């Protein structure tokens, strides 16, 4: 190939490779073998190598004929080195491990970034990668606050790259099939969706100021967030429950279920948000947020989405740990990551279909076949072979729901929303909560 070479080739790849099948329990490696030369695969860097990255190891193995994992990056040395070494079993080689992902962005060979960092890094890491000419697969929630979502739309428009959020049920075969059937009238007119999740997270205890552990770049971890002193409870997963970094269980898991609910009901922005939330379990620990939330999103035309999220009690109100119930004028659909059930108005089950590949539901890190399908769709979108199963505007609208629920909870107020813009109609709340305060020098760029 001449100098328009690999990157031009990726852009111009034709439908000759579109016969690759997603059916069954795994992709056929032989289907990919040498479709493109070894130098024409999509080169990626994995940024953030803990739980969600672990869920992607098998995806990279299944798709290894399409991808080169050139770099992995994490602010914890032991973690990035261990993850890099673990990939040899899955892809046949050990990628280079680096501390600061920004050093990867100027590498011209890197086509795409997998942004698997904590919530406060999702938007800044994504717009940095877009500015550097990279496509981005970013984990949910898309952003830490609504303003960042607007900025990502501006950045995507300016840099014209693929951005795909990790809402992998958009690539789930049974989900895509039943949503199509819902839109075609299998349960009549859908009018209400109940999205739910429950988990038995324990106490995080009470934090103590301690020295930052060796090999942990605490300053880079905080990145765009205002600086705080390190406590022993901030390590690992617990950043989710502190506002400077996390977005609570709503951002952590409602993003998935609310996205499915919006998809089924074909709704955009709500006109009203009502929330009842509180911290009801292990009340003396340092968890700073609600651990239980019921949220109601009302839409123009009368459609409603409800969120029932329980972080620290695993009582399965709906018979399972997570999922969506879609109510229609002629029946009901119950779906989760692994199967779909359809009921008539008398409650009789008239259809049951299981997903060919089973996925984790409430286990930390997730993983499973639908993640692989979603990654494959991301690659196909980069190659120009397929439309995204979840375009950025959809991710923005679904992520806005979690932000509105959190803002309603933090202000203890019902929110009136402009359904066209998604903006909160209370000027004071809008001004205070639509964006965030950034650490000096980390403010967002203007696109």
Protein backbone atom coordinates (compact mmCIF):
# COMPACT_ATOMS: atom_id res chain seq x y z
CA UNK A 1 0.00 0.00 0.00
CA UNK A 2 1.07 3.55 -0.69
CA UNK A 3 1.00 6.40 1.65
CA UNK A 4 -2.78 6.71 1.82
CA UNK A 5 -2.01 3.25 3.24
CA UNK A 6 -3.54 1.68 6.27
CA UNK A 7 -5.73 4.49 7.56
CA UNK A 8 -7.15 5.17 4.09
CA UNK A 9 -7.62 1.47 3.58
CA UNK A 10 -9.61 1.22 6.80
CA UNK A 11 -11.86 4.03 5.64
CA UNK A 12 -12.36 2.49 2.18
CA UNK A 13 -12.85 -1.13 3.20
CA UNK A 14 -15.85 -2.46 1.32
CA UNK A 15 -18.73 -4.77 2.11
CA UNK A 16 -16.58 -7.69 1.04
CA UNK A 17 -16.00 -8.32 4.74
CA UNK A 18 -19.62 -7.86 5.77
CA UNK A 19 -20.37 -11.58 5.77
CA UNK A 20 -18.90 -11.99 9.26
CA UNK A 21 -21.52 -13.64 11.47
CA UNK A 22 -22.51 -12.74 15.02
CA UNK A 23 -24.55 -15.89 15.46
CA UNK A 24 -23.80 -18.65 17.94
CA UNK A 25 -21.71 -18.54 21.07
CA UNK A 26 -18.67 -16.88 19.50
CA UNK A 27 -17.44 -15.36 16.29
CA UNK A 28 -15.64 -17.73 13.93
CA UNK A 29 -11.97 -16.81 13.94
CA UNK A 30 -11.57 -18.39 10.52
CA UNK A 31 -14.09 -15.87 9.14
CA UNK A 32 -11.64 -13.09 9.92
CA UNK A 33 -8.38 -14.76 9.08
CA UNK A 34 -6.45 -12.66 6.63
CA UNK A 35 -9.52 -10.79 5.39
CA UNK A 36 -7.30 -7.81 5.87
CA UNK A 37 -3.54 -8.03 6.15
CA UNK A 38 -2.01 -8.12 9.59
CA UNK A 39 -1.03 -4.48 9.16
CA UNK A 40 -4.58 -3.42 8.30
CA UNK A 41 -6.29 -4.27 11.58
CA UNK A 42 -7.68 -1.58 13.82
CA UNK A 43 -5.04 -0.53 16.33
CA UNK A 44 -6.35 0.29 19.79
CA UNK A 45 -5.25 1.39 23.22
CA UNK A 46 -7.10 0.31 26.37
CA UNK A 47 -7.24 3.09 28.95
CA UNK A 48 -8.24 1.82 32.40
CA UNK A 49 -7.40 -1.83 33.05
CA UNK A 50 -9.52 -2.89 35.99
CA UNK A 51 -13.01 -4.40 36.09
CA UNK A 52 -14.54 -3.44 32.76
CA UNK A 53 -11.28 -4.09 30.96
CA UNK A 54 -11.31 -7.60 32.37
CA UNK A 55 -14.72 -8.07 30.79
CA UNK A 56 -13.26 -7.20 27.38
CA UNK A 57 -10.40 -9.70 27.37
CA UNK A 58 -12.50 -12.39 25.76
CA UNK A 59 -13.89 -9.87 23.26
CA UNK A 60 -10.37 -9.02 22.12
CA UNK A 61 -9.61 -12.74 21.85
CA UNK A 62 -12.68 -13.41 19.71
CA UNK A 63 -11.91 -10.38 17.53
CA UNK A 64 -8.14 -10.79 17.43
CA UNK A 65 -8.10 -11.10 13.64
CA UNK A 66 -9.53 -7.57 13.49
CA UNK A 67 -7.67 -5.75 16.23
CA UNK A 68 -4.20 -5.00 17.51
CA UNK A 69 -4.03 -3.97 21.17
CA UNK A 70 -0.94 -1.77 21.01
CA UNK A 71 -1.10 -0.13 24.44
CA UNK A 72 -2.75 -0.44 27.81
CA UNK A 73 -2.79 2.38 30.31
CA UNK A 74 -3.68 2.70 33.97
CA UNK A 75 -2.69 4.96 36.85
CA UNK A 76 -1.80 1.91 38.96
CA UNK A 77 1.44 0.26 37.85
CA UNK A 78 0.70 -3.24 39.12
CA UNK A 79 -2.70 -3.20 37.47
CA UNK A 80 -1.56 -2.07 34.01
CA UNK A 81 1.41 -4.45 33.98
CA UNK A 82 -0.76 -7.37 35.05
CA UNK A 83 -3.44 -6.63 32.48
CA UNK A 84 -0.90 -6.28 29.67
CA UNK A 85 0.66 -9.62 30.60
CA UNK A 86 -2.75 -11.30 30.81
CA UNK A 87 -3.56 -10.38 27.20
CA UNK A 88 -0.86 -12.70 25.84
CA UNK A 89 -3.14 -15.68 26.51
CA UNK A 90 -6.00 -13.95 24.69
CA UNK A 91 -4.39 -12.19 21.73
CA UNK A 92 -0.95 -13.78 21.56
CA UNK A 93 1.25 -10.84 22.60
CA UNK A 94 1.84 -8.36 25.42
CA UNK A 95 0.95 -4.71 24.65
CA UNK A 96 3.08 -1.89 25.97
CA UNK A 97 1.88 -0.63 29.38
CA UNK A 98 2.04 3.11 30.17
CA UNK A 99 0.94 5.25 33.08
CA UNK A 100 -0.34 8.42 31.37
CA UNK A 101 -2.69 7.71 28.45
CA UNK A 102 -2.00 11.17 27.04
CA UNK A 103 1.37 9.84 25.87
CA UNK A 104 -0.53 7.41 23.65
CA UNK A 105 -2.63 10.06 21.92
CA UNK A 106 0.20 11.31 19.70
CA UNK A 107 0.92 7.81 18.42
CA UNK A 108 -0.25 7.88 14.81
CA UNK A 109 -0.59 4.12 14.65
CA UNK A 110 -3.38 4.16 17.25
CA UNK A 111 -6.78 4.33 15.55
CA UNK A 112 -9.10 4.05 18.57
CA UNK A 113 -9.18 4.38 22.33
CA UNK A 114 -11.17 2.19 24.70
CA UNK A 115 -11.94 4.65 27.50
CA UNK A 116 -12.68 2.40 30.50
CA UNK A 117 -11.81 4.94 33.17
CA UNK A 118 -13.88 6.24 36.14
CA UNK A 119 -16.88 8.43 35.32
CA UNK A 120 -15.18 11.82 35.75
CA UNK A 121 -12.66 10.83 33.07
CA UNK A 122 -15.19 9.64 30.46
CA UNK A 123 -15.83 12.94 28.72
CA UNK A 124 -12.39 14.57 29.14
CA UNK A 125 -10.61 11.40 28.01
CA UNK A 126 -12.94 11.16 25.03
CA UNK A 127 -12.57 14.71 23.79
CA UNK A 128 -8.79 14.51 24.22
CA UNK A 129 -8.79 11.38 22.07
CA UNK A 130 -11.06 12.98 19.46
CA UNK A 131 -8.77 16.01 19.26
CA UNK A 132 -5.91 13.60 18.63
CA UNK A 133 -7.78 12.01 15.73
CA UNK A 134 -8.88 8.81 17.47
CA UNK A 135 -12.21 6.99 17.47
CA UNK A 136 -13.50 6.27 20.98
CA UNK A 137 -15.34 3.46 22.69
CA UNK A 138 -16.30 5.00 26.05
CA UNK A 139 -17.88 3.19 28.94
CA UNK A 140 -21.15 4.27 30.48
CA UNK A 141 -22.18 6.76 31.64
CA UNK A 142 -21.09 8.86 28.70
CA UNK A 143 -20.36 11.86 30.90
CA UNK A 144 -20.13 13.10 34.48
CA UNK A 145 -22.63 15.94 33.92
CA UNK A 146 -25.00 17.18 31.19
CA UNK A 147 -22.74 19.95 29.91
CA UNK A 148 -20.06 17.42 29.06
CA UNK A 149 -22.55 15.61 26.83
CA UNK A 150 -23.14 18.80 24.87
CA UNK A 151 -19.38 19.25 24.52
CA UNK A 152 -18.95 15.72 23.20
CA UNK A 153 -21.57 16.35 20.52
CA UNK A 154 -19.64 19.44 19.48
CA UNK A 155 -16.34 17.53 19.50
CA UNK A 156 -17.74 14.65 17.45
CA UNK A 157 -19.08 17.11 14.89
CA UNK A 158 -15.74 18.91 14.66
CA UNK A 159 -13.50 15.85 14.45
CA UNK A 160 -15.87 13.49 12.61
CA UNK A 161 -14.89 10.33 14.49
CA UNK A 162 -16.92 7.40 15.79
CA UNK A 163 -17.89 7.63 19.45
CA UNK A 164 -19.73 4.65 20.92
CA UNK A 165 -20.88 4.31 24.51
CA UNK A 166 -20.73 0.93 26.22
CA UNK A 167 -24.48 0.38 26.27
CA UNK A 168 -23.99 -3.12 24.92
CA UNK A 169 -27.63 -4.19 24.99
CA UNK A 170 -28.06 -2.11 21.83
CA UNK A 171 -26.08 -4.91 20.14
CA UNK A 172 -27.84 -7.78 21.93
CA UNK A 173 -29.49 -10.01 19.33
CA UNK A 174 -32.66 -10.82 21.31
CA UNK A 175 -33.01 -7.21 22.48
CA UNK A 176 -32.73 -5.84 18.96
CA UNK A 177 -35.29 -8.37 17.77
CA UNK A 178 -37.87 -7.71 20.50
CA UNK A 179 -37.49 -3.93 20.31
CA UNK A 180 -38.24 -4.15 16.58
CA UNK A 181 -41.30 -6.28 17.38
CA UNK A 182 -42.42 -3.79 20.04
CA UNK A 183 -42.18 -1.00 17.48
CA UNK A 184 -44.19 -3.16 15.08
CA UNK A 185 -46.96 -3.66 17.66
CA UNK A 186 -46.40 -7.02 19.36
CA UNK A 187 -47.80 -5.56 22.61
CA UNK A 188 -49.86 -2.80 21.04
CA UNK A 189 -48.83 0.73 21.91
CA UNK A 190 -46.06 0.77 24.55
CA UNK A 191 -46.84 3.38 27.17
CA UNK A 192 -44.71 2.62 30.24
CA UNK A 193 -41.34 1.07 31.05
CA UNK A 194 -39.98 0.03 34.42
CA UNK A 195 -36.18 -0.24 34.56
CA UNK A 196 -34.72 -1.94 37.63
CA UNK A 197 -31.51 -3.08 39.31
CA UNK A 198 -30.63 -4.49 42.73
CA UNK A 199 -27.32 -5.41 44.35
CA UNK A 200 -26.04 -6.16 47.86
CA UNK A 201 -23.13 -3.75 48.10
CA UNK A 202 -21.78 -3.65 51.64
CA UNK A 203 -20.39 -0.93 53.85
CA UNK A 204 -17.36 0.98 52.58
CA UNK A 205 -16.41 1.90 56.16
CA UNK A 206 -14.97 5.20 57.31
CA UNK A 207 -11.97 6.52 55.49
CA UNK A 208 -8.65 7.49 57.02
CA UNK A 209 -6.08 9.84 55.56
CA UNK A 210 -3.12 7.69 54.54
CA UNK A 211 -0.17 7.98 52.16
CA UNK A 212 -0.95 7.26 48.53
CA UNK A 213 -0.02 3.62 47.79
CA UNK A 214 3.20 3.04 45.88
CA UNK A 215 2.68 2.86 42.14
CA UNK A 216 -0.62 4.79 42.22
CA UNK A 217 -0.66 8.10 40.34
CA UNK A 218 -3.30 9.74 42.54
CA UNK A 219 -2.94 13.13 40.88
CA UNK A 220 -3.60 11.71 37.42
CA UNK A 221 -6.50 9.64 38.75
CA UNK A 222 -8.17 12.85 39.92
CA UNK A 223 -7.38 14.56 36.62
CA UNK A 224 -10.16 17.08 35.88
CA UNK A 225 -11.74 16.74 39.35
CA UNK A 226 -10.91 19.20 42.15
CA UNK A 227 -8.16 17.85 44.38
CA UNK A 228 -8.79 16.09 47.68
CA UNK A 229 -6.44 14.32 50.08
CA UNK A 230 -6.18 10.57 49.67
CA UNK A 231 -8.15 8.24 51.97
CA UNK A 232 -7.86 4.49 52.16
CA UNK A 233 -11.48 3.97 51.06
CA UNK A 234 -11.01 5.77 47.73
CA UNK A 235 -9.09 2.86 46.25
CA UNK A 236 -10.60 0.55 43.62
CA UNK A 237 -14.40 0.64 43.18
CA UNK A 238 -15.52 3.09 45.87
CA UNK A 239 -14.96 6.21 43.80
CA UNK A 240 -18.46 5.49 42.40
CA UNK A 241 -20.06 6.77 45.61
CA UNK A 242 -18.39 10.20 45.73
CA UNK A 243 -19.69 13.06 43.59
CA UNK A 244 -16.29 14.41 42.54
CA UNK A 245 -15.66 11.19 40.56
CA UNK A 246 -18.82 9.09 40.38
CA UNK A 247 -22.46 9.35 39.36
CA UNK A 248 -23.96 6.83 41.79
CA UNK A 249 -25.79 3.64 40.97
CA UNK A 250 -27.90 5.60 38.52
CA UNK A 251 -24.87 6.38 36.40
CA UNK A 252 -23.31 3.02 37.14
CA UNK A 253 -26.22 0.79 36.09
CA UNK A 254 -29.39 2.75 35.33
CA UNK A 255 -27.68 4.00 32.18
CA UNK A 256 -28.09 0.52 30.70
CA UNK A 257 -31.67 -0.10 31.72
CA UNK A 258 -32.95 3.43 31.04
CA UNK A 259 -31.35 3.25 27.60
CA UNK A 260 -33.34 0.09 26.83
CA UNK A 261 -36.51 1.74 28.18
CA UNK A 262 -36.06 4.81 25.96
CA UNK A 263 -35.31 2.58 22.99
CA UNK A 264 -38.49 0.57 23.49
CA UNK A 265 -40.75 3.59 24.06
CA UNK A 266 -39.07 5.69 21.32
CA UNK A 267 -38.83 8.77 23.51
CA UNK A 268 -36.25 11.54 23.76
CA UNK A 269 -36.09 14.05 26.59
CA UNK A 270 -38.68 14.05 29.39
CA UNK A 271 -40.76 17.03 30.46
CA UNK A 272 -40.75 16.22 34.18
CA UNK A 273 -38.53 14.24 36.56
CA UNK A 274 -39.60 13.15 40.04
CA UNK A 275 -37.26 11.31 42.40
CA UNK A 276 -37.49 9.67 45.81
CA UNK A 277 -34.01 8.70 46.97
CA UNK A 278 -32.00 8.29 50.13
CA UNK A 279 -29.20 6.53 51.94
CA UNK A 280 -30.93 3.81 53.94
CA UNK A 281 -28.26 1.15 54.52
CA UNK A 282 -24.99 1.27 56.50
CA UNK A 283 -25.86 4.86 57.24
CA UNK A 284 -22.73 5.51 59.31
CA UNK A 285 -20.24 4.76 56.55
CA UNK A 286 -18.69 7.38 54.24
CA UNK A 287 -20.80 6.57 51.16
CA UNK A 288 -21.87 10.13 50.28
CA UNK A 289 -24.84 9.42 47.96
CA UNK A 290 -28.23 7.78 47.99
CA UNK A 291 -28.13 4.00 47.88
CA UNK A 292 -31.80 3.63 46.93
CA UNK A 293 -33.69 5.54 44.25
CA UNK A 294 -37.08 5.55 42.61
CA UNK A 295 -37.29 7.96 39.68
CA UNK A 296 -40.15 8.82 37.35
CA UNK A 297 -39.61 10.39 33.94
CA UNK A 298 -42.74 11.82 32.32
CA UNK A 299 -42.82 12.42 28.58
CA UNK A 300 -44.92 14.53 26.24
CA UNK A 301 -47.87 12.42 25.11
CA UNK A 302 -48.17 10.57 28.40
CA UNK A 303 -45.46 7.92 28.18
CA UNK A 304 -43.60 7.16 31.43
CA UNK A 305 -40.31 5.54 32.43
CA UNK A 306 -39.70 4.48 36.03
CA UNK A 307 -36.35 3.56 37.55
CA UNK A 308 -36.15 1.32 40.63
CA UNK A 309 -32.54 1.14 41.79
CA UNK A 310 -31.35 -0.56 44.98
CA UNK A 311 -27.61 -0.63 45.57
CA UNK A 312 -27.41 -2.31 48.95
CA UNK A 313 -30.26 -4.78 49.15
CA UNK A 314 -30.54 -7.66 46.71
CA UNK A 315 -34.24 -8.26 47.14
CA UNK A 316 -35.33 -8.99 43.57
CA UNK A 317 -38.64 -7.19 43.33
CA UNK A 318 -39.14 -8.35 39.76
CA UNK A 319 -37.72 -11.85 40.08
CA UNK A 320 -34.26 -10.97 38.77
CA UNK A 321 -31.42 -8.59 39.52
CA UNK A 322 -31.82 -6.27 36.57
CA UNK A 323 -33.88 -5.66 33.45
CA UNK A 324 -36.80 -3.80 31.90
CA UNK A 325 -40.54 -4.33 31.83
CA UNK A 326 -42.29 -2.74 28.87
CA UNK A 327 -46.06 -2.30 29.22
CA UNK A 328 -48.23 -2.03 26.12
CA UNK A 329 -51.94 -1.75 25.42
CA UNK A 330 -52.05 -5.42 24.35
CA UNK A 331 -49.38 -7.07 26.51
CA UNK A 332 -46.06 -6.87 28.34
CA UNK A 333 -42.41 -7.60 27.57
CA UNK A 334 -39.80 -8.53 30.18
CA UNK A 335 -36.22 -8.41 28.96
CA UNK A 336 -32.74 -8.56 30.36
CA UNK A 337 -29.30 -9.33 28.97
CA UNK A 338 -29.94 -13.03 28.64
CA UNK A 339 -33.53 -13.55 27.58
CA UNK A 340 -36.85 -12.02 26.51
CA UNK A 341 -40.39 -12.95 27.61
CA UNK A 342 -43.67 -11.73 26.13
CA UNK A 343 -47.00 -11.91 27.99
CA UNK A 344 -50.56 -11.27 26.88
CA UNK A 345 -53.07 -9.18 28.84
CA UNK A 346 -54.05 -12.18 30.97
CA UNK A 347 -50.44 -12.70 32.03
CA UNK A 348 -49.93 -15.79 29.91
CA UNK A 349 -46.43 -16.18 28.52
CA UNK A 350 -46.70 -16.31 24.75
CA UNK A 351 -43.02 -16.12 23.83
CA UNK A 352 -39.67 -16.85 25.47
CA UNK A 353 -36.34 -16.49 23.70
CA UNK A 354 -32.88 -16.85 25.24
CA UNK A 355 -29.77 -15.03 24.10
CA UNK A 356 -27.29 -17.43 22.48
CA UNK A 357 -24.41 -16.11 24.58
CA UNK A 358 -25.01 -15.54 28.27
CA UNK A 359 -23.69 -12.38 29.91
CA UNK A 360 -22.91 -11.20 33.41
CA UNK A 361 -25.78 -9.24 34.93
CA UNK A 362 -24.87 -7.77 38.32
CA UNK A 363 -21.30 -9.10 38.69
CA UNK A 364 -18.58 -6.46 38.80
CA UNK A 365 -17.01 -5.86 35.40
CA UNK A 366 -19.71 -7.49 33.32
CA UNK A 367 -18.68 -9.14 30.11
CA UNK A 368 -20.19 -11.71 27.79
CA UNK A 369 -21.26 -12.09 24.19
CA UNK A 370 -23.21 -8.87 23.86
CA UNK A 371 -20.10 -6.87 24.77
CA UNK A 372 -18.27 -8.61 21.91
CA UNK A 373 -21.11 -7.81 19.52
CA UNK A 374 -20.98 -4.16 20.59
CA UNK A 375 -17.22 -3.94 20.09
CA UNK A 376 -17.56 -5.58 16.67
CA UNK A 377 -20.19 -3.01 15.73
CA UNK A 378 -17.82 -0.23 16.84
CA UNK A 379 -15.11 -1.64 14.57
CA UNK A 380 -17.57 -2.00 11.67
CA UNK A 381 -18.65 1.63 12.10
CA UNK A 382 -15.02 2.76 11.97
CA UNK A 383 -14.54 0.74 8.78
CA UNK A 384 -17.68 2.24 7.26
CA UNK A 385 -19.29 -1.20 6.93
CA UNK A 386 -22.22 -0.64 9.31
CA UNK A 387 -24.23 1.99 11.09
CA UNK A 388 -23.66 2.24 14.82
CA UNK A 389 -26.10 0.27 16.92
CA UNK A 390 -25.95 3.15 19.38
CA UNK A 391 -25.17 6.51 17.82
CA UNK A 392 -23.81 9.27 20.06
CA UNK A 393 -27.07 11.23 20.17
CA UNK A 394 -28.81 8.19 21.67
CA UNK A 395 -26.09 7.89 24.31
CA UNK A 396 -26.49 11.58 25.14
CA UNK A 397 -30.27 11.30 25.60
CA UNK A 398 -30.02 8.19 27.78
CA UNK A 399 -27.19 9.62 29.88
CA UNK A 400 -29.20 12.79 30.43
CA UNK A 401 -31.79 10.75 32.32
CA UNK A 402 -29.26 9.64 34.91
CA UNK A 403 -28.00 13.20 35.33
CA UNK A 404 -31.52 14.58 35.76
CA UNK A 405 -32.33 11.90 38.34
CA UNK A 406 -29.15 12.69 40.26
CA UNK A 407 -29.83 16.43 40.12
CA UNK A 408 -33.39 15.91 41.33
CA UNK A 409 -32.04 13.82 44.20
CA UNK A 410 -29.32 16.33 45.16
CA UNK A 411 -31.70 19.28 45.11
CA UNK A 412 -34.64 17.39 46.64
CA UNK A 413 -36.90 18.87 43.98
CA UNK A 414 -39.09 17.80 41.09
CA UNK A 415 -37.64 19.07 37.85
CA UNK A 416 -39.49 20.61 34.94
CA UNK A 417 -37.63 20.02 31.69
CA UNK A 418 -37.68 21.58 28.24
CA UNK A 419 -38.20 18.40 26.19
CA UNK A 420 -36.62 19.96 23.11
CA UNK A 421 -33.29 20.91 24.68
CA UNK A 422 -33.36 18.73 27.79
CA UNK A 423 -32.53 21.79 29.87
CA UNK A 424 -33.86 22.24 33.40
CA UNK A 425 -36.35 25.11 33.57
CA UNK A 426 -35.25 26.20 37.06
CA UNK A 427 -32.45 28.69 36.29
CA UNK A 428 -30.76 28.36 39.68
CA UNK A 429 -30.58 24.56 39.53
CA UNK A 430 -29.53 24.71 35.90
CA UNK A 431 -26.67 27.07 36.67
CA UNK A 432 -25.37 25.07 39.63
CA UNK A 433 -25.75 21.48 38.42
CA UNK A 434 -25.63 21.42 34.61
CA UNK A 435 -21.82 21.40 34.64
CA UNK A 436 -19.12 20.99 37.23
CA UNK A 437 -16.11 22.75 38.73
CA UNK A 438 -12.85 21.54 37.15
CA UNK A 439 -9.40 21.49 38.64
CA UNK A 440 -7.51 24.52 37.38
CA UNK A 441 -5.83 23.75 34.08
CA UNK A 442 -8.27 20.95 33.28
CA UNK A 443 -11.15 23.07 31.98
CA UNK A 444 -12.87 21.79 28.81
CA UNK A 445 -11.68 23.18 25.48
CA UNK A 446 -13.91 25.16 23.16
CA UNK A 447 -14.91 23.23 20.06
